[in-house]
């Protein structure tokens, strides 16, 4: 499976607790283990380290490697926004106006 995001992308989070927030994709983390609130272990796949000025992660103090506003986000929770994507939507709007 290929990844949707790449390093440096701007993306919107489309799934999960932070859905609706815009982030900058910083670097690929890979897979990681985590613990759910009920104590079960879970494996997270294809994680990115992402930065946002609008997110304050409640457990950031537990991980000194992560800076303020940084989260780990699975690739499938992110929708990249690239300049070419915006240009295509502008062209579609012009086509609709001409109809």
PDB file of N, CA and C in Angstrom:
ATOM      1  N   UNK A   1       0.838  -1.179   0.000  1.00  0.00           N
ATOM      2  CA  UNK A   1       0.000   0.000   0.000  1.00  0.00           C
ATOM      3  C   UNK A   1       0.887   1.248   0.000  1.00  0.00           C
ATOM      4  N   UNK A   2       0.538   2.214  -0.790  1.00  0.00           N
ATOM      5  CA  UNK A   2       1.327   3.448  -0.840  1.00  0.00           C
ATOM      6  C   UNK A   2       0.751   4.469   0.142  1.00  0.00           C
ATOM      7  N   UNK A   3       1.606   5.374   0.559  1.00  0.00           N
ATOM      8  CA  UNK A   3       1.199   6.413   1.496  1.00  0.00           C
ATOM      9  C   UNK A   3       0.570   7.583   0.752  1.00  0.00           C
ATOM     10  N   UNK A   4      -0.402   8.222   1.372  1.00  0.00           N
ATOM     11  CA  UNK A   4      -1.050   9.383   0.756  1.00  0.00           C
ATOM     12  C   UNK A   4      -0.211  10.647   0.946  1.00  0.00           C
ATOM     13  N   UNK A   5       0.426  10.769   2.099  1.00  0.00           N
ATOM     14  CA  UNK A   5       1.190  11.980   2.415  1.00  0.00           C
ATOM     15  C   UNK A   5       2.666  11.800   2.132  1.00  0.00           C
ATOM     16  N   UNK A   6       3.368  12.924   2.081  1.00  0.00           N
ATOM     17  CA  UNK A   6       4.817  12.914   2.006  1.00  0.00           C
ATOM     18  C   UNK A   6       5.332  14.057   2.883  1.00  0.00           C
ATOM     19  N   UNK A   7       6.603  13.981   3.242  1.00  0.00           N
ATOM     20  CA  UNK A   7       7.213  14.972   4.110  1.00  0.00           C
ATOM     21  C   UNK A   7       7.043  16.376   3.519  1.00  0.00           C
ATOM     22  N   UNK A   8       6.605  17.310   4.346  1.00  0.00           N
ATOM     23  CA  UNK A   8       6.424  18.688   3.921  1.00  0.00           C
ATOM     24  C   UNK A   8       5.013  19.038   3.471  1.00  0.00           C
ATOM     25  N   UNK A   9       4.161  18.036   3.285  1.00  0.00           N
ATOM     26  CA  UNK A   9       2.781  18.300   2.865  1.00  0.00           C
ATOM     27  C   UNK A   9       2.015  19.071   3.924  1.00  0.00           C
ATOM     28  N   UNK A  10       1.062  19.871   3.480  1.00  0.00           N
ATOM     29  CA  UNK A  10       0.025  20.382   4.358  1.00  0.00           C
ATOM     30  C   UNK A  10      -1.121  19.391   4.204  1.00  0.00           C
ATOM     31  N   UNK A  11      -1.790  19.064   5.310  1.00  0.00           N
ATOM     32  CA  UNK A  11      -2.873  18.092   5.250  1.00  0.00           C
ATOM     33  C   UNK A  11      -3.969  18.487   6.228  1.00  0.00           C
ATOM     34  N   UNK A  12      -5.153  17.971   5.980  1.00  0.00           N
ATOM     35  CA  UNK A  12      -6.250  18.114   6.925  1.00  0.00           C
ATOM     36  C   UNK A  12      -6.490  16.739   7.531  1.00  0.00           C
ATOM     37  N   UNK A  13      -6.729  16.715   8.821  1.00  0.00           N
ATOM     38  CA  UNK A  13      -7.037  15.460   9.495  1.00  0.00           C
ATOM     39  C   UNK A  13      -8.515  15.175   9.260  1.00  0.00           C
ATOM     40  N   UNK A  14      -8.819  14.017   8.673  1.00  0.00           N
ATOM     41  CA  UNK A  14     -10.191  13.694   8.293  1.00  0.00           C
ATOM     42  C   UNK A  14     -10.829  12.636   9.185  1.00  0.00           C
ATOM     43  N   UNK A  15     -10.067  12.102  10.119  1.00  0.00           N
ATOM     44  CA  UNK A  15     -10.571  11.014  10.953  1.00  0.00           C
ATOM     45  C   UNK A  15      -9.923  11.103  12.329  1.00  0.00           C
ATOM     46  N   UNK A  16     -10.648  10.714  13.357  1.00  0.00           N
ATOM     47  CA  UNK A  16     -10.065  10.653  14.689  1.00  0.00           C
ATOM     48  C   UNK A  16     -10.373  11.868  15.541  1.00  0.00           C
ATOM     49  N   UNK A  17      -9.712  11.941  16.680  1.00  0.00           N
ATOM     50  CA  UNK A  17      -9.958  12.980  17.677  1.00  0.00           C
ATOM     51  C   UNK A  17      -9.699  14.381  17.140  1.00  0.00           C
ATOM     52  N   UNK A  18      -8.703  14.524  16.273  1.00  0.00           N
ATOM     53  CA  UNK A  18      -8.309  15.839  15.776  1.00  0.00           C
ATOM     54  C   UNK A  18      -8.869  16.150  14.391  1.00  0.00           C
ATOM     55  N   UNK A  19      -9.924  15.474  13.972  1.00  0.00           N
ATOM     56  CA  UNK A  19     -10.526  15.706  12.655  1.00  0.00           C
ATOM     57  C   UNK A  19     -10.872  17.184  12.491  1.00  0.00           C
ATOM     58  N   UNK A  20     -10.528  17.732  11.321  1.00  0.00           N
ATOM     59  CA  UNK A  20     -10.799  19.126  11.009  1.00  0.00           C
ATOM     60  C   UNK A  20      -9.610  20.051  11.203  1.00  0.00           C
ATOM     61  N   UNK A  21      -8.571  19.578  11.862  1.00  0.00           N
ATOM     62  CA  UNK A  21      -7.376  20.392  12.073  1.00  0.00           C
ATOM     63  C   UNK A  21      -6.442  20.280  10.863  1.00  0.00           C
ATOM     64  N   UNK A  22      -5.783  21.389  10.544  1.00  0.00           N
ATOM     65  CA  UNK A  22      -4.764  21.402   9.505  1.00  0.00           C
ATOM     66  C   UNK A  22      -3.406  21.156  10.152  1.00  0.00           C
ATOM     67  N   UNK A  23      -2.565  20.360   9.478  1.00  0.00           N
ATOM     68  CA  UNK A  23      -1.237  20.040   9.995  1.00  0.00           C
ATOM     69  C   UNK A  23      -0.208  20.146   8.882  1.00  0.00           C
ATOM     70  N   UNK A  24       1.038  20.275   9.289  1.00  0.00           N
ATOM     71  CA  UNK A  24       2.168  20.145   8.381  1.00  0.00           C
ATOM     72  C   UNK A  24       2.822  18.806   8.692  1.00  0.00           C
ATOM     73  N   UNK A  25       3.007  17.989   7.668  1.00  0.00           N
ATOM     74  CA  UNK A  25       3.602  16.665   7.839  1.00  0.00           C
ATOM     75  C   UNK A  25       5.117  16.834   7.951  1.00  0.00           C
ATOM     76  N   UNK A  26       5.687  16.410   9.090  1.00  0.00           N
ATOM     77  CA  UNK A  26       7.106  16.640   9.350  1.00  0.00           C
ATOM     78  C   UNK A  26       7.995  15.468   8.940  1.00  0.00           C
ATOM     79  N   UNK A  27       7.686  14.271   9.438  1.00  0.00           N
ATOM     80  CA  UNK A  27       8.517  13.116   9.079  1.00  0.00           C
ATOM     81  C   UNK A  27       7.764  11.822   9.310  1.00  0.00           C
ATOM     82  N   UNK A  28       8.167  10.796   8.549  1.00  0.00           N
ATOM     83  CA  UNK A  28       7.538   9.485   8.660  1.00  0.00           C
ATOM     84  C   UNK A  28       8.094   8.765   9.883  1.00  0.00           C
ATOM     85  N   UNK A  29       7.208   8.259  10.723  1.00  0.00           N
ATOM     86  CA  UNK A  29       7.593   7.557  11.947  1.00  0.00           C
ATOM     87  C   UNK A  29       7.569   6.046  11.730  1.00  0.00           C
ATOM     88  N   UNK A  30       6.610   5.560  10.961  1.00  0.00           N
ATOM     89  CA  UNK A  30       6.472   4.119  10.751  1.00  0.00           C
ATOM     90  C   UNK A  30       5.415   3.542  11.673  1.00  0.00           C
ATOM     91  N   UNK A  31       5.694   2.375  12.227  1.00  0.00           N
ATOM     92  CA  UNK A  31       4.747   1.688  13.099  1.00  0.00           C
ATOM     93  C   UNK A  31       5.127   1.897  14.556  1.00  0.00           C
ATOM     94  N   UNK A  32       4.117   1.848  15.423  1.00  0.00           N
ATOM     95  CA  UNK A  32       4.364   2.064  16.843  1.00  0.00           C
ATOM     96  C   UNK A  32       3.316   1.315  17.652  1.00  0.00           C
ATOM     97  N   UNK A  33       3.674   0.944  18.849  1.00  0.00           N
ATOM     98  CA  UNK A  33       2.726   0.309  19.763  1.00  0.00           C
ATOM     99  C   UNK A  33       2.179   1.374  20.705  1.00  0.00           C
ATOM    100  N   UNK A  34       0.929   1.217  21.084  1.00  0.00           N
ATOM    101  CA  UNK A  34       0.302   2.129  22.028  1.00  0.00           C
ATOM    102  C   UNK A  34      -0.585   1.356  22.982  1.00  0.00           C
ATOM    103  N   UNK A  35      -1.093   2.046  23.969  1.00  0.00           N
ATOM    104  CA  UNK A  35      -1.988   1.433  24.950  1.00  0.00           C
ATOM    105  C   UNK A  35      -3.317   2.172  24.919  1.00  0.00           C
ATOM    106  N   UNK A  36      -4.390   1.410  24.762  1.00  0.00           N
ATOM    107  CA  UNK A  36      -5.727   1.986  24.786  1.00  0.00           C
ATOM    108  C   UNK A  36      -6.120   2.286  26.232  1.00  0.00           C
ATOM    109  N   UNK A  37      -7.140   3.124  26.437  1.00  0.00           N
ATOM    110  CA  UNK A  37      -7.565   3.450  27.804  1.00  0.00           C
ATOM    111  C   UNK A  37      -7.933   2.217  28.650  1.00  0.00           C
ATOM    112  N   UNK A  38      -8.387   1.135  27.990  1.00  0.00           N
ATOM    113  CA  UNK A  38      -8.750  -0.073  28.742  1.00  0.00           C
ATOM    114  C   UNK A  38      -7.540  -0.954  29.064  1.00  0.00           C
ATOM    115  N   UNK A  39      -6.337  -0.525  28.651  1.00  0.00           N
ATOM    116  CA  UNK A  39      -5.120  -1.267  28.956  1.00  0.00           C
ATOM    117  C   UNK A  39      -4.654  -2.200  27.851  1.00  0.00           C
ATOM    118  N   UNK A  40      -5.449  -2.367  26.792  1.00  0.00           N
ATOM    119  CA  UNK A  40      -5.061  -3.231  25.674  1.00  0.00           C
ATOM    120  C   UNK A  40      -3.985  -2.553  24.832  1.00  0.00           C
ATOM    121  N   UNK A  41      -3.072  -3.360  24.312  1.00  0.00           N
ATOM    122  CA  UNK A  41      -2.060  -2.849  23.394  1.00  0.00           C
ATOM    123  C   UNK A  41      -2.642  -2.781  21.988  1.00  0.00           C
ATOM    124  N   UNK A  42      -2.209  -1.809  21.234  1.00  0.00           N
ATOM    125  CA  UNK A  42      -2.656  -1.650  19.852  1.00  0.00           C
ATOM    126  C   UNK A  42      -1.457  -1.233  19.010  1.00  0.00           C
ATOM    127  N   UNK A  43      -1.403  -1.747  17.779  1.00  0.00           N
ATOM    128  CA  UNK A  43      -0.327  -1.349  16.871  1.00  0.00           C
ATOM    129  C   UNK A  43      -0.852  -0.297  15.907  1.00  0.00           C
ATOM    130  N   UNK A  44      -0.140   0.817  15.842  1.00  0.00           N
ATOM    131  CA  UNK A  44      -0.473   1.883  14.896  1.00  0.00           C
ATOM    132  C   UNK A  44       0.481   1.770  13.715  1.00  0.00           C
ATOM    133  N   UNK A  45      -0.059   1.827  12.502  1.00  0.00           N
ATOM    134  CA  UNK A  45       0.754   1.665  11.295  1.00  0.00           C
ATOM    135  C   UNK A  45       0.828   2.962  10.504  1.00  0.00           C
ATOM    136  N   UNK A  46       1.948   3.125   9.804  1.00  0.00           N
ATOM    137  CA  UNK A  46       2.139   4.253   8.877  1.00  0.00           C
ATOM    138  C   UNK A  46       1.875   5.602   9.543  1.00  0.00           C
ATOM    139  N   UNK A  47       2.557   5.845  10.651  1.00  0.00           N
ATOM    140  CA  UNK A  47       2.391   7.099  11.389  1.00  0.00           C
ATOM    141  C   UNK A  47       3.302   8.198  10.859  1.00  0.00           C
ATOM    142  N   UNK A  48       2.786   9.410  10.890  1.00  0.00           N
ATOM    143  CA  UNK A  48       3.549  10.611  10.573  1.00  0.00           C
ATOM    144  C   UNK A  48       3.639  11.472  11.816  1.00  0.00           C
ATOM    145  N   UNK A  49       4.757  12.158  11.985  1.00  0.00           N
ATOM    146  CA  UNK A  49       4.852  13.221  12.972  1.00  0.00           C
ATOM    147  C   UNK A  49       4.334  14.468  12.277  1.00  0.00           C
ATOM    148  N   UNK A  50       3.330  15.103  12.873  1.00  0.00           N
ATOM    149  CA  UNK A  50       2.696  16.264  12.257  1.00  0.00           C
ATOM    150  C   UNK A  50       2.654  17.417  13.251  1.00  0.00           C
ATOM    151  N   UNK A  51       2.670  18.628  12.720  1.00  0.00           N
ATOM    152  CA  UNK A  51       2.702  19.858  13.534  1.00  0.00           C
ATOM    153  C   UNK A  51       1.472  20.692  13.233  1.00  0.00           C
ATOM    154  N   UNK A  52       0.845  21.211  14.289  1.00  0.00           N
ATOM    155  CA  UNK A  52      -0.291  22.107  14.116  1.00  0.00           C
ATOM    156  C   UNK A  52      -0.283  23.161  15.214  1.00  0.00           C
ATOM    157  N   UNK A  53      -0.616  24.383  14.850  1.00  0.00           N
ATOM    158  CA  UNK A  53      -0.720  25.455  15.843  1.00  0.00           C
ATOM    159  C   UNK A  53      -2.041  25.397  16.607  1.00  0.00           C
ATOM    160  N   UNK A  54      -2.978  24.573  16.132  1.00  0.00           N
ATOM    161  CA  UNK A  54      -4.304  24.525  16.756  1.00  0.00           C
ATOM    162  C   UNK A  54      -4.514  23.297  17.634  1.00  0.00           C
ATOM    163  N   UNK A  55      -3.491  22.449  17.760  1.00  0.00           N
ATOM    164  CA  UNK A  55      -3.623  21.229  18.566  1.00  0.00           C
ATOM    165  C   UNK A  55      -2.725  21.322  19.791  1.00  0.00           C
ATOM    166  N   UNK A  56      -3.318  21.059  20.936  1.00  0.00           N
ATOM    167  CA  UNK A  56      -2.549  20.947  22.177  1.00  0.00           C
ATOM    168  C   UNK A  56      -2.729  19.514  22.657  1.00  0.00           C
ATOM    169  N   UNK A  57      -1.712  18.684  22.440  1.00  0.00           N
ATOM    170  CA  UNK A  57      -1.803  17.274  22.800  1.00  0.00           C
ATOM    171  C   UNK A  57      -1.783  17.142  24.318  1.00  0.00           C
ATOM    172  N   UNK A  58      -2.790  16.471  24.892  1.00  0.00           N
ATOM    173  CA  UNK A  58      -2.881  16.408  26.350  1.00  0.00           C
ATOM    174  C   UNK A  58      -1.760  15.618  27.029  1.00  0.00           C
ATOM    175  N   UNK A  59      -1.068  14.752  26.295  1.00  0.00           N
ATOM    176  CA  UNK A  59      -0.023  13.936  26.914  1.00  0.00           C
ATOM    177  C   UNK A  59       1.368  14.274  26.381  1.00  0.00           C
ATOM    178  N   UNK A  60       1.534  15.443  25.793  1.00  0.00           N
ATOM    179  CA  UNK A  60       2.822  15.823  25.209  1.00  0.00           C
ATOM    180  C   UNK A  60       3.936  15.826  26.256  1.00  0.00           C
ATOM    181  N   UNK A  61       3.610  16.122  27.489  1.00  0.00           N
ATOM    182  CA  UNK A  61       4.634  16.155  28.538  1.00  0.00           C
ATOM    183  C   UNK A  61       5.221  14.772  28.813  1.00  0.00           C
ATOM    184  N   UNK A  62       4.531  13.712  28.417  1.00  0.00           N
ATOM    185  CA  UNK A  62       5.031  12.353  28.619  1.00  0.00           C
ATOM    186  C   UNK A  62       6.114  11.973  27.616  1.00  0.00           C
ATOM    187  N   UNK A  63       6.169  12.689  26.497  1.00  0.00           N
ATOM    188  CA  UNK A  63       7.136  12.368  25.450  1.00  0.00           C
ATOM    189  C   UNK A  63       7.960  13.613  25.143  1.00  0.00           C
ATOM    190  N   UNK A  64       9.137  13.742  25.757  1.00  0.00           N
ATOM    191  CA  UNK A  64       9.941  14.950  25.556  1.00  0.00           C
ATOM    192  C   UNK A  64      10.468  15.108  24.129  1.00  0.00           C
ATOM    193  N   UNK A  65      10.354  14.075  23.297  1.00  0.00           N
ATOM    194  CA  UNK A  65      10.809  14.158  21.903  1.00  0.00           C
ATOM    195  C   UNK A  65       9.825  14.943  21.040  1.00  0.00           C
ATOM    196  N   UNK A  66       8.606  15.079  21.505  1.00  0.00           N
ATOM    197  CA  UNK A  66       7.581  15.776  20.724  1.00  0.00           C
ATOM    198  C   UNK A  66       7.462  17.209  21.209  1.00  0.00           C
ATOM    199  N   UNK A  67       7.392  18.131  20.269  1.00  0.00           N
ATOM    200  CA  UNK A  67       7.249  19.532  20.601  1.00  0.00           C
ATOM    201  C   UNK A  67       5.787  19.927  20.768  1.00  0.00           C
ATOM    202  N   UNK A  68       5.569  21.169  21.128  1.00  0.00           N
ATOM    203  CA  UNK A  68       4.216  21.694  21.303  1.00  0.00           C
ATOM    204  C   UNK A  68       3.461  21.634  19.977  1.00  0.00           C
ATOM    205  N   UNK A  69       2.257  21.119  20.023  1.00  0.00           N
ATOM    206  CA  UNK A  69       1.429  21.034  18.828  1.00  0.00           C
ATOM    207  C   UNK A  69       1.786  19.884  17.903  1.00  0.00           C
ATOM    208  N   UNK A  70       2.656  18.976  18.350  1.00  0.00           N
ATOM    209  CA  UNK A  70       3.036  17.839  17.508  1.00  0.00           C
ATOM    210  C   UNK A  70       2.257  16.591  17.929  1.00  0.00           C
ATOM    211  N   UNK A  71       1.819  15.853  16.930  1.00  0.00           N
ATOM    212  CA  UNK A  71       1.090  14.600  17.169  1.00  0.00           C
ATOM    213  C   UNK A  71       1.596  13.540  16.202  1.00  0.00           C
ATOM    214  N   UNK A  72       1.289  12.309  16.518  1.00  0.00           N
ATOM    215  CA  UNK A  72       1.481  11.217  15.575  1.00  0.00           C
ATOM    216  C   UNK A  72       0.124  10.945  14.938  1.00  0.00           C
ATOM    217  N   UNK A  73       0.074  10.953  13.624  1.00  0.00           N
ATOM    218  CA  UNK A  73      -1.177  10.743  12.905  1.00  0.00           C
ATOM    219  C   UNK A  73      -0.996   9.646  11.870  1.00  0.00           C
ATOM    220  N   UNK A  74      -1.903   8.654  11.843  1.00  0.00           N
ATOM    221  CA  UNK A  74      -1.832   7.625  10.808  1.00  0.00           C
ATOM    222  C   UNK A  74      -2.065   8.230   9.427  1.00  0.00           C
ATOM    223  N   UNK A  75      -1.377   7.705   8.444  1.00  0.00           N
ATOM    224  CA  UNK A  75      -1.492   8.215   7.077  1.00  0.00           C
ATOM    225  C   UNK A  75      -2.943   8.225   6.597  1.00  0.00           C
ATOM    226  N   UNK A  76      -3.717   7.190   6.946  1.00  0.00           N
ATOM    227  CA  UNK A  76      -5.097   7.125   6.454  1.00  0.00           C
ATOM    228  C   UNK A  76      -6.025   8.121   7.156  1.00  0.00           C
ATOM    229  N   UNK A  77      -5.543   8.824   8.190  1.00  0.00           N
ATOM    230  CA  UNK A  77      -6.321   9.887   8.828  1.00  0.00           C
ATOM    231  C   UNK A  77      -6.047  11.249   8.197  1.00  0.00           C
ATOM    232  N   UNK A  78      -5.073  11.314   7.280  1.00  0.00           N
ATOM    233  CA  UNK A  78      -4.651  12.584   6.693  1.00  0.00           C
ATOM    234  C   UNK A  78      -5.031  12.679   5.214  1.00  0.00           C
ATOM    235  N   UNK A  79      -5.492  13.846   4.821  1.00  0.00           N
ATOM    236  CA  UNK A  79      -5.775  14.126   3.410  1.00  0.00           C
ATOM    237  C   UNK A  79      -4.837  15.260   2.988  1.00  0.00           C
ATOM    238  N   UNK A  80      -3.819  14.935   2.177  1.00  0.00           N
ATOM    239  CA  UNK A  80      -2.869  15.984   1.788  1.00  0.00           C
ATOM    240  C   UNK A  80      -3.522  17.041   0.913  1.00  0.00           C
ATOM    241  N   UNK A  81      -3.049  18.276   1.078  1.00  0.00           N
ATOM    242  CA  UNK A  81      -3.513  19.396   0.256  1.00  0.00           C
ATOM    243  C   UNK A  81      -2.280  19.912  -0.475  1.00  0.00           C
ATOM    244  N   UNK A  82      -2.289  19.760  -1.785  1.00  0.00           N
ATOM    245  CA  UNK A  82      -1.136  20.168  -2.590  1.00  0.00           C
ATOM    246  C   UNK A  82      -1.570  21.239  -3.583  1.00  0.00           C
ATOM    247  N   UNK A  83      -0.639  22.101  -4.009  1.00  0.00           N
ATOM    248  CA  UNK A  83      -0.990  23.182  -4.942  1.00  0.00           C
ATOM    249  C   UNK A  83      -1.730  22.691  -6.186  1.00  0.00           C
ATOM    250  N   UNK A  84      -1.346  21.566  -6.734  1.00  0.00           N
ATOM    251  CA  UNK A  84      -2.019  21.036  -7.919  1.00  0.00           C
ATOM    252  C   UNK A  84      -3.472  20.696  -7.640  1.00  0.00           C
ATOM    253  N   UNK A  85      -3.765  20.237  -6.411  1.00  0.00           N
ATOM    254  CA  UNK A  85      -5.137  19.916  -6.040  1.00  0.00           C
ATOM    255  C   UNK A  85      -6.006  21.169  -6.058  1.00  0.00           C
ATOM    256  N   UNK A  86      -5.469  22.276  -5.574  1.00  0.00           N
ATOM    257  CA  UNK A  86      -6.228  23.526  -5.536  1.00  0.00           C
ATOM    258  C   UNK A  86      -6.477  24.054  -6.934  1.00  0.00           C
ATOM    259  N   UNK A  87      -5.493  23.933  -7.824  1.00  0.00           N
ATOM    260  CA  UNK A  87      -5.644  24.406  -9.194  1.00  0.00           C
ATOM    261  C   UNK A  87      -6.753  23.626  -9.898  1.00  0.00           C
ATOM    262  N   UNK A  88      -6.820  22.315  -9.679  1.00  0.00           N
ATOM    263  CA  UNK A  88      -7.854  21.513 -10.319  1.00  0.00           C
ATOM    264  C   UNK A  88      -9.241  21.951  -9.884  1.00  0.00           C
ATOM    265  N   UNK A  89      -9.416  22.290  -8.600  1.00  0.00           N
ATOM    266  CA  UNK A  89     -10.732  22.705  -8.136  1.00  0.00           C
ATOM    267  C   UNK A  89     -11.111  24.063  -8.732  1.00  0.00           C
ATOM    268  N   UNK A  90     -10.136  24.959  -8.920  1.00  0.00           N
ATOM    269  CA  UNK A  90     -10.416  26.247  -9.554  1.00  0.00           C
ATOM    270  C   UNK A  90     -10.900  26.047 -10.983  1.00  0.00           C
ATOM    271  N   UNK A  91     -10.262  25.137 -11.722  1.00  0.00           N
ATOM    272  CA  UNK A  91     -10.667  24.876 -13.094  1.00  0.00           C
ATOM    273  C   UNK A  91     -12.061  24.300 -13.135  1.00  0.00           C
ATOM    274  N   UNK A  92     -12.419  23.444 -12.190  1.00  0.00           N
ATOM    275  CA  UNK A  92     -13.749  22.851 -12.143  1.00  0.00           C
ATOM    276  C   UNK A  92     -14.794  23.940 -11.902  1.00  0.00           C
ATOM    277  N   UNK A  93     -14.498  24.892 -11.016  1.00  0.00           N
ATOM    278  CA  UNK A  93     -15.431  25.982 -10.754  1.00  0.00           C
ATOM    279  C   UNK A  93     -15.635  26.816 -12.014  1.00  0.00           C
ATOM    280  N   UNK A  94     -14.586  27.080 -12.784  1.00  0.00           N
ATOM    281  CA  UNK A  94     -14.717  27.851 -14.023  1.00  0.00           C
ATOM    282  C   UNK A  94     -15.582  27.107 -15.036  1.00  0.00           C
ATOM    283  N   UNK A  95     -15.405  25.780 -15.110  1.00  0.00           N
ATOM    284  CA  UNK A  95     -16.209  24.993 -16.035  1.00  0.00           C
ATOM    285  C   UNK A  95     -17.676  25.062 -15.667  1.00  0.00           C
ATOM    286  N   UNK A  96     -17.979  25.014 -14.364  1.00  0.00           N
ATOM    287  CA  UNK A  96     -19.371  25.068 -13.902  1.00  0.00           C
ATOM    288  C   UNK A  96     -19.975  26.434 -14.216  1.00  0.00           C
ATOM    289  N   UNK A  97     -19.195  27.502 -14.016  1.00  0.00           N
ATOM    290  CA  UNK A  97     -19.691  28.848 -14.290  1.00  0.00           C
ATOM    291  C   UNK A  97     -20.024  29.033 -15.772  1.00  0.00           C
ATOM    292  N   UNK A  98     -19.287  28.368 -16.647  1.00  0.00           N
ATOM    293  CA  UNK A  98     -19.493  28.528 -18.086  1.00  0.00           C
ATOM    294  C   UNK A  98     -20.680  27.728 -18.597  1.00  0.00           C
ATOM    295  N   UNK A  99     -21.232  26.838 -17.804  1.00  0.00           N
ATOM    296  CA  UNK A  99     -22.347  25.993 -18.245  1.00  0.00           C
ATOM    297  C   UNK A  99     -23.644  26.727 -18.152  1.00  0.00           C
TER     298      UNK A  99
END
